[in-house]
C-alpha atoms as a PDB file:
ATOM      1  CA  UNK A   1    -152.274  17.058 229.921  1.00  0.00           C
ATOM      2  CA  UNK A   2    -154.702  14.168 229.948  1.00  0.00           C
ATOM      3  CA  UNK A   3    -152.458  11.244 230.882  1.00  0.00           C
ATOM      4  CA  UNK A   4    -154.036   9.304 233.740  1.00  0.00           C
ATOM      5  CA  UNK A   5    -150.757   9.199 235.702  1.00  0.00           C
ATOM      6  CA  UNK A   6    -150.288  12.972 235.440  1.00  0.00           C
ATOM      7  CA  UNK A   7    -153.834  13.580 236.631  1.00  0.00           C
ATOM      8  CA  UNK A   8    -153.448  10.980 239.383  1.00  0.00           C
ATOM      9  CA  UNK A   9    -150.317  12.788 240.566  1.00  0.00           C
ATOM     10  CA  UNK A  10    -152.114  16.150 240.458  1.00  0.00           C
ATOM     11  CA  UNK A  11    -154.864  14.716 242.655  1.00  0.00           C
ATOM     12  CA  UNK A  12    -152.311  13.320 245.107  1.00  0.00           C
ATOM     13  CA  UNK A  13    -150.368  16.603 245.335  1.00  0.00           C
ATOM     14  CA  UNK A  14    -153.599  18.566 245.721  1.00  0.00           C
ATOM     15  CA  UNK A  15    -154.706  16.167 248.445  1.00  0.00           C
ATOM     16  CA  UNK A  16    -151.366  16.610 250.236  1.00  0.00           C
ATOM     17  CA  UNK A  17    -151.631  20.420 250.101  1.00  0.00           C
ATOM     18  CA  UNK A  18    -155.205  20.290 251.407  1.00  0.00           C
ATOM     19  CA  UNK A  19    -154.108  17.885 254.151  1.00  0.00           C
ATOM     20  CA  UNK A  20    -151.490  20.423 255.259  1.00  0.00           C
ATOM     21  CA  UNK A  21    -154.062  23.250 255.049  1.00  0.00           C
ATOM     22  CA  UNK A  22    -156.669  21.355 257.052  1.00  0.00           C
ATOM     23  CA  UNK A  23    -153.935  20.248 259.442  1.00  0.00           C
ATOM     24  CA  UNK A  24    -152.837  23.853 260.002  1.00  0.00           C
ATOM     25  CA  UNK A  25    -156.437  24.789 260.810  1.00  0.00           C
ATOM     26  CA  UNK A  26    -156.710  21.884 263.262  1.00  0.00           C
ATOM     27  CA  UNK A  27    -153.463  22.981 264.949  1.00  0.00           C
ATOM     28  CA  UNK A  28    -154.980  26.426 265.525  1.00  0.00           C
ATOM     29  CA  UNK A  29    -158.163  24.790 266.867  1.00  0.00           C
ATOM     30  CA  UNK A  30    -156.106  22.592 269.235  1.00  0.00           C
ATOM     31  CA  UNK A  31    -153.941  25.515 270.371  1.00  0.00           C
ATOM     32  CA  UNK A  32    -157.100  27.495 271.145  1.00  0.00           C
ATOM     33  CA  UNK A  33    -158.478  24.586 273.199  1.00  0.00           C
ATOM     34  CA  UNK A  34    -155.185  24.096 275.056  1.00  0.00           C
ATOM     35  CA  UNK A  35    -156.314  26.299 277.944  1.00  0.00           C
ATOM     36  CA  UNK A  36    -159.703  27.692 278.989  1.00  0.00           C
ATOM     37  CA  UNK A  37    -160.512  31.215 277.841  1.00  0.00           C
ATOM     38  CA  UNK A  38    -159.514  33.160 274.758  1.00  0.00           C
ATOM     39  CA  UNK A  39    -155.946  32.718 273.471  1.00  0.00           C
ATOM     40  CA  UNK A  40    -155.541  32.984 269.735  1.00  0.00           C
ATOM     41  CA  UNK A  41    -158.725  33.464 267.723  1.00  0.00           C
ATOM     42  CA  UNK A  42    -162.163  34.964 268.212  1.00  0.00           C
ATOM     43  CA  UNK A  43    -164.956  32.456 269.006  1.00  0.00           C
ATOM     44  CA  UNK A  44    -166.666  33.285 265.695  1.00  0.00           C
ATOM     45  CA  UNK A  45    -163.518  32.565 263.686  1.00  0.00           C
ATOM     46  CA  UNK A  46    -162.939  29.398 265.722  1.00  0.00           C
ATOM     47  CA  UNK A  47    -166.373  28.115 264.727  1.00  0.00           C
ATOM     48  CA  UNK A  48    -165.780  28.978 261.077  1.00  0.00           C
ATOM     49  CA  UNK A  49    -162.502  27.061 261.179  1.00  0.00           C
ATOM     50  CA  UNK A  50    -164.345  24.000 262.517  1.00  0.00           C
ATOM     51  CA  UNK A  51    -166.634  24.036 259.490  1.00  0.00           C
ATOM     52  CA  UNK A  52    -163.870  24.609 256.947  1.00  0.00           C
ATOM     53  CA  UNK A  53    -161.503  22.103 258.580  1.00  0.00           C
ATOM     54  CA  UNK A  54    -164.058  19.299 258.257  1.00  0.00           C
ATOM     55  CA  UNK A  55    -164.873  20.067 254.630  1.00  0.00           C
ATOM     56  CA  UNK A  56    -161.221  20.385 253.631  1.00  0.00           C
ATOM     57  CA  UNK A  57    -160.257  17.098 255.268  1.00  0.00           C
ATOM     58  CA  UNK A  58    -163.135  15.097 253.769  1.00  0.00           C
ATOM     59  CA  UNK A  59    -163.555  16.698 250.333  1.00  0.00           C
ATOM     60  CA  UNK A  60    -160.052  18.123 249.913  1.00  0.00           C
ATOM     61  CA  UNK A  61    -157.704  15.578 251.479  1.00  0.00           C
ATOM     62  CA  UNK A  62    -159.337  12.139 251.710  1.00  0.00           C
ATOM     63  CA  UNK A  63    -161.452  11.995 248.545  1.00  0.00           C
ATOM     64  CA  UNK A  64    -158.907  13.446 246.062  1.00  0.00           C
ATOM     65  CA  UNK A  65    -156.258  11.091 247.517  1.00  0.00           C
ATOM     66  CA  UNK A  66    -158.379   8.052 246.670  1.00  0.00           C
ATOM     67  CA  UNK A  67    -159.393   9.513 243.315  1.00  0.00           C
ATOM     68  CA  UNK A  68    -155.711  10.077 242.546  1.00  0.00           C
ATOM     69  CA  UNK A  69    -154.942   6.445 243.384  1.00  0.00           C
ATOM     70  CA  UNK A  70    -157.847   5.341 241.188  1.00  0.00           C
ATOM     71  CA  UNK A  71    -156.539   7.417 238.270  1.00  0.00           C
ATOM     72  CA  UNK A  72    -153.062   5.991 238.663  1.00  0.00           C
ATOM     73  CA  UNK A  73    -153.904   2.349 239.249  1.00  0.00           C
ATOM     74  CA  UNK A  74    -157.161   1.385 237.547  1.00  0.00           C
ATOM     75  CA  UNK A  75    -155.953   1.699 233.909  1.00  0.00           C
ATOM     76  CA  UNK A  76    -152.765  -0.219 234.743  1.00  0.00           C
ATOM     77  CA  UNK A  77    -154.657  -2.920 236.644  1.00  0.00           C
ATOM     78  CA  UNK A  78    -157.151  -3.596 233.849  1.00  0.00           C
ATOM     79  CA  UNK A  79    -154.674  -3.226 230.958  1.00  0.00           C
ATOM     80  CA  UNK A  80    -156.063   0.058 229.579  1.00  0.00           C
ATOM     81  CA  UNK A  81    -153.965   2.794 227.975  1.00  0.00           C
ATOM     82  CA  UNK A  82    -155.715   5.592 229.877  1.00  0.00           C
ATOM     83  CA  UNK A  83    -159.010   6.460 231.521  1.00  0.00           C
ATOM     84  CA  UNK A  84    -161.977   6.279 229.168  1.00  0.00           C
ATOM     85  CA  UNK A  85    -162.731  10.025 229.264  1.00  0.00           C
ATOM     86  CA  UNK A  86    -159.337  11.729 229.650  1.00  0.00           C
ATOM     87  CA  UNK A  87    -160.428  15.328 229.021  1.00  0.00           C
ATOM     88  CA  UNK A  88    -163.288  15.045 231.483  1.00  0.00           C
ATOM     89  CA  UNK A  89    -160.751  13.548 233.889  1.00  0.00           C
ATOM     90  CA  UNK A  90    -158.616  16.653 233.503  1.00  0.00           C
ATOM     91  CA  UNK A  91    -161.599  18.939 234.042  1.00  0.00           C
ATOM     92  CA  UNK A  92    -162.790  17.070 237.127  1.00  0.00           C
ATOM     93  CA  UNK A  93    -159.423  17.783 238.733  1.00  0.00           C
ATOM     94  CA  UNK A  94    -158.974  21.406 237.689  1.00  0.00           C
ATOM     95  CA  UNK A  95    -162.284  22.625 239.090  1.00  0.00           C
ATOM     96  CA  UNK A  96    -161.196  21.510 242.577  1.00  0.00           C
ATOM     97  CA  UNK A  97    -158.563  24.204 243.293  1.00  0.00           C
ATOM     98  CA  UNK A  98    -161.172  26.857 242.466  1.00  0.00           C
ATOM     99  CA  UNK A  99    -163.750  25.235 244.760  1.00  0.00           C
ATOM    100  CA  UNK A 100    -161.346  25.186 247.682  1.00  0.00           C
ATOM    101  CA  UNK A 101    -160.102  28.706 247.035  1.00  0.00           C
ATOM    102  CA  UNK A 102    -163.734  29.785 247.283  1.00  0.00           C
ATOM    103  CA  UNK A 103    -164.301  27.734 250.431  1.00  0.00           C
ATOM    104  CA  UNK A 104    -161.200  29.154 252.124  1.00  0.00           C
ATOM    105  CA  UNK A 105    -162.031  32.708 251.056  1.00  0.00           C
ATOM    106  CA  UNK A 106    -165.401  32.381 252.803  1.00  0.00           C
ATOM    107  CA  UNK A 107    -163.434  32.172 256.078  1.00  0.00           C
ATOM    108  CA  UNK A 108    -162.318  35.782 255.679  1.00  0.00           C
ATOM    109  CA  UNK A 109    -165.623  37.317 254.617  1.00  0.00           C
ATOM    110  CA  UNK A 110    -167.765  39.404 256.920  1.00  0.00           C
ATOM    111  CA  UNK A 111    -169.634  36.822 258.970  1.00  0.00           C
ATOM    112  CA  UNK A 112    -167.363  34.137 257.558  1.00  0.00           C
ATOM    113  CA  UNK A 113    -167.707  30.552 256.419  1.00  0.00           C
ATOM    114  CA  UNK A 114    -170.538  29.707 258.781  1.00  0.00           C
ATOM    115  CA  UNK A 115    -170.578  28.719 262.433  1.00  0.00           C
ATOM    116  CA  UNK A 116    -172.280  25.393 262.065  1.00  0.00           C
ATOM    117  CA  UNK A 117    -169.714  22.586 262.072  1.00  0.00           C
ATOM    118  CA  UNK A 118    -168.827  20.527 259.041  1.00  0.00           C
ATOM    119  CA  UNK A 119    -172.237  18.816 259.049  1.00  0.00           C
ATOM    120  CA  UNK A 120    -173.855  22.288 258.693  1.00  0.00           C
ATOM    121  CA  UNK A 121    -177.115  21.325 260.369  1.00  0.00           C
ATOM    122  CA  UNK A 122    -180.165  23.483 259.768  1.00  0.00           C
ATOM    123  CA  UNK A 123    -181.397  25.851 261.152  1.00  0.00           C
ATOM    124  CA  UNK A 124    -177.884  27.082 262.030  1.00  0.00           C
ATOM    125  CA  UNK A 125    -176.878  26.796 258.381  1.00  0.00           C
ATOM    126  CA  UNK A 126    -180.134  27.964 256.810  1.00  0.00           C
ATOM    127  CA  UNK A 127    -181.617  30.596 259.138  1.00  0.00           C
ATOM    128  CA  UNK A 128    -178.766  31.903 261.271  1.00  0.00           C
ATOM    129  CA  UNK A 129    -175.810  31.633 258.899  1.00  0.00           C
ATOM    130  CA  UNK A 130    -173.834  34.520 257.339  1.00  0.00           C
ATOM    131  CA  UNK A 131    -174.154  35.538 253.695  1.00  0.00           C
ATOM    132  CA  UNK A 132    -170.941  33.701 252.803  1.00  0.00           C
ATOM    133  CA  UNK A 133    -173.043  30.512 253.051  1.00  0.00           C
ATOM    134  CA  UNK A 134    -173.660  31.047 249.324  1.00  0.00           C
ATOM    135  CA  UNK A 135    -169.923  30.642 248.580  1.00  0.00           C
ATOM    136  CA  UNK A 136    -169.730  27.616 250.808  1.00  0.00           C
ATOM    137  CA  UNK A 137    -172.703  25.965 249.053  1.00  0.00           C
ATOM    138  CA  UNK A 138    -171.306  26.753 245.610  1.00  0.00           C
ATOM    139  CA  UNK A 139    -167.959  25.223 246.605  1.00  0.00           C
ATOM    140  CA  UNK A 140    -169.760  22.034 247.686  1.00  0.00           C
ATOM    141  CA  UNK A 141    -171.604  21.903 244.359  1.00  0.00           C
ATOM    142  CA  UNK A 142    -168.311  22.107 242.471  1.00  0.00           C
ATOM    143  CA  UNK A 143    -166.733  19.378 244.627  1.00  0.00           C
ATOM    144  CA  UNK A 144    -169.775  17.203 243.980  1.00  0.00           C
ATOM    145  CA  UNK A 145    -169.588  17.755 240.220  1.00  0.00           C
ATOM    146  CA  UNK A 146    -165.905  16.826 240.325  1.00  0.00           C
ATOM    147  CA  UNK A 147    -166.629  13.634 242.299  1.00  0.00           C
ATOM    148  CA  UNK A 148    -169.426  12.602 239.961  1.00  0.00           C
ATOM    149  CA  UNK A 149    -167.356  13.156 236.825  1.00  0.00           C
ATOM    150  CA  UNK A 150    -164.526  11.127 238.361  1.00  0.00           C
ATOM    151  CA  UNK A 151    -166.957   8.347 239.259  1.00  0.00           C
ATOM    152  CA  UNK A 152    -168.519   8.260 235.781  1.00  0.00           C
ATOM    153  CA  UNK A 153    -165.014   8.033 234.334  1.00  0.00           C
ATOM    154  CA  UNK A 154    -164.116   5.104 236.598  1.00  0.00           C
ATOM    155  CA  UNK A 155    -167.255   3.161 235.667  1.00  0.00           C
ATOM    156  CA  UNK A 156    -166.886   3.742 231.924  1.00  0.00           C
ATOM    157  CA  UNK A 157    -163.197   2.791 232.086  1.00  0.00           C
ATOM    158  CA  UNK A 158    -163.785  -0.450 233.997  1.00  0.00           C
ATOM    159  CA  UNK A 159    -166.747  -1.508 231.855  1.00  0.00           C
ATOM    160  CA  UNK A 160    -165.280  -0.647 228.440  1.00  0.00           C
ATOM    161  CA  UNK A 161    -161.487  -0.725 228.550  1.00  0.00           C
ATOM    162  CA  UNK A 162    -160.581  -4.049 230.162  1.00  0.00           C
ATOM    163  CA  UNK A 163    -157.881  -5.955 228.285  1.00  0.00           C
ATOM    164  CA  UNK A 164    -158.899  -9.154 226.436  1.00  0.00           C
ATOM    165  CA  UNK A 165    -159.225 -11.955 228.969  1.00  0.00           C
ATOM    166  CA  UNK A 166    -159.679  -9.551 231.897  1.00  0.00           C
ATOM    167  CA  UNK A 167    -163.075 -10.908 232.903  1.00  0.00           C
ATOM    168  CA  UNK A 168    -165.138  -9.499 235.778  1.00  0.00           C
ATOM    169  CA  UNK A 169    -164.001 -12.271 238.113  1.00  0.00           C
ATOM    170  CA  UNK A 170    -160.352 -11.580 237.318  1.00  0.00           C
ATOM    171  CA  UNK A 171    -160.532  -7.888 238.213  1.00  0.00           C
ATOM    172  CA  UNK A 172    -158.282  -6.913 241.145  1.00  0.00           C
ATOM    173  CA  UNK A 173    -160.136  -6.152 244.376  1.00  0.00           C
ATOM    174  CA  UNK A 174    -159.078  -2.490 244.237  1.00  0.00           C
ATOM    175  CA  UNK A 175    -160.866  -2.136 240.892  1.00  0.00           C
ATOM    176  CA  UNK A 176    -163.997  -3.809 242.254  1.00  0.00           C
ATOM    177  CA  UNK A 177    -164.049  -1.554 245.319  1.00  0.00           C
ATOM    178  CA  UNK A 178    -163.707   1.512 243.121  1.00  0.00           C
ATOM    179  CA  UNK A 179    -166.475   0.345 240.801  1.00  0.00           C
ATOM    180  CA  UNK A 180    -168.838   0.059 243.785  1.00  0.00           C
ATOM    181  CA  UNK A 181    -167.599   3.358 245.245  1.00  0.00           C
ATOM    182  CA  UNK A 182    -168.200   5.107 241.916  1.00  0.00           C
ATOM    183  CA  UNK A 183    -171.821   3.923 241.787  1.00  0.00           C
ATOM    184  CA  UNK A 184    -172.309   5.080 245.395  1.00  0.00           C
ATOM    185  CA  UNK A 185    -170.844   8.506 244.598  1.00  0.00           C
ATOM    186  CA  UNK A 186    -173.157   8.967 241.626  1.00  0.00           C
ATOM    187  CA  UNK A 187    -176.104   7.948 243.808  1.00  0.00           C
ATOM    188  CA  UNK A 188    -175.398  10.174 246.800  1.00  0.00           C
ATOM    189  CA  UNK A 189    -173.717  13.338 245.479  1.00  0.00           C
ATOM    190  CA  UNK A 190    -176.990  14.722 244.024  1.00  0.00           C
ATOM    191  CA  UNK A 191    -178.583  14.160 247.450  1.00  0.00           C
ATOM    192  CA  UNK A 192    -175.977  16.417 249.071  1.00  0.00           C
ATOM    193  CA  UNK A 193    -176.443  18.951 246.264  1.00  0.00           C
ATOM    194  CA  UNK A 194    -180.189  18.915 246.952  1.00  0.00           C
ATOM    195  CA  UNK A 195    -179.704  19.358 250.697  1.00  0.00           C
ATOM    196  CA  UNK A 196    -177.351  22.336 250.380  1.00  0.00           C
ATOM    197  CA  UNK A 197    -179.529  23.890 247.660  1.00  0.00           C
ATOM    198  CA  UNK A 198    -182.482  23.703 250.057  1.00  0.00           C
ATOM    199  CA  UNK A 199    -180.297  25.435 252.680  1.00  0.00           C
ATOM    200  CA  UNK A 200    -179.489  28.093 250.069  1.00  0.00           C
ATOM    201  CA  UNK A 201    -183.117  28.724 249.108  1.00  0.00           C
ATOM    202  CA  UNK A 202    -184.141  28.819 252.795  1.00  0.00           C
ATOM    203  CA  UNK A 203    -181.494  31.461 253.398  1.00  0.00           C
ATOM    204  CA  UNK A 204    -181.863  33.663 250.321  1.00  0.00           C
ATOM    205  CA  UNK A 205    -185.169  32.904 248.578  1.00  0.00           C
ATOM    206  CA  UNK A 206    -187.733  32.646 251.355  1.00  0.00           C
ATOM    207  CA  UNK A 207    -188.464  28.916 251.235  1.00  0.00           C
ATOM    208  CA  UNK A 208    -188.938  27.013 254.483  1.00  0.00           C
ATOM    209  CA  UNK A 209    -187.741  23.451 253.936  1.00  0.00           C
ATOM    210  CA  UNK A 210    -186.035  23.470 257.339  1.00  0.00           C
ATOM    211  CA  UNK A 211    -187.859  26.387 258.987  1.00  0.00           C
ATOM    212  CA  UNK A 212    -190.519  25.217 261.442  1.00  0.00           C
ATOM    213  CA  UNK A 213    -192.280  28.586 261.290  1.00  0.00           C
ATOM    214  CA  UNK A 214    -193.091  27.905 257.628  1.00  0.00           C
ATOM    215  CA  UNK A 215    -194.017  24.243 258.128  1.00  0.00           C
ATOM    216  CA  UNK A 216    -190.513  22.876 257.491  1.00  0.00           C
ATOM    217  CA  UNK A 217    -188.522  20.435 259.585  1.00  0.00           C
ATOM    218  CA  UNK A 218    -184.864  20.917 260.616  1.00  0.00           C
ATOM    219  CA  UNK A 219    -184.562  17.195 261.367  1.00  0.00           C
ATOM    220  CA  UNK A 220    -185.325  16.530 257.689  1.00  0.00           C
ATOM    221  CA  UNK A 221    -181.995  18.175 256.892  1.00  0.00           C
ATOM    222  CA  UNK A 222    -180.188  15.590 259.010  1.00  0.00           C
ATOM    223  CA  UNK A 223    -181.987  12.727 257.281  1.00  0.00           C
ATOM    224  CA  UNK A 224    -181.137  14.054 253.820  1.00  0.00           C
ATOM    225  CA  UNK A 225    -177.566  14.889 254.798  1.00  0.00           C
ATOM    226  CA  UNK A 226    -176.837  11.464 256.251  1.00  0.00           C
ATOM    227  CA  UNK A 227    -178.503   9.748 253.311  1.00  0.00           C
ATOM    228  CA  UNK A 228    -175.541  11.262 251.511  1.00  0.00           C
ATOM    229  CA  UNK A 229    -173.051  11.069 254.375  1.00  0.00           C
ATOM    230  CA  UNK A 230    -172.866   7.411 255.221  1.00  0.00           C
ATOM    231  CA  UNK A 231    -172.525   5.968 251.679  1.00  0.00           C
ATOM    232  CA  UNK A 232    -169.989   8.718 250.908  1.00  0.00           C
ATOM    233  CA  UNK A 233    -167.828   7.788 253.900  1.00  0.00           C
END
């Protein structure tokens, strides 16, 4: 099952399902905020939903939707038979459902998916977070690996598989935008991986990247995170 249209469709369906999942979470959040006081969910669970909602919408709904469009359209636009690395393409999709299953399961663990918003700022995420932070970080690593493999595939496809006569200046704008996006993804995904790995080691292995008591700096987390965040968006 390595046809680029099949994989593009899988991405789009996955994105749609994640959009509904994230949307359901946001409906619960909105219902809870409808009146002052406690209606539906415990404050702790509410906070966990905020974190998971943000991650699902960005990494589960928006990014796979665009990756699905890229898989569908880029080979057709440049006159290629398929993406350059079809089996890697397949793999980069199929690790996503497992990542999001893990992310969602962290909601229901003791302590839960973390009460620190989708930007998971330290020290809330590194010092005061529950043990399920490990699942959450691992899920982000898998999403990042998926994004990077997709981006590598896009670049290799555009560089190597253009039809004769399809020069750089004749490429459709969509292909150009994806080429630039792919380079950005490869540049910034390791930065996010580094940031969340530092959160992980602060929490479980006694480092103090973001712990002021050990000479760390919580504001450094924000700098690293947004070094990833803005190019990614």
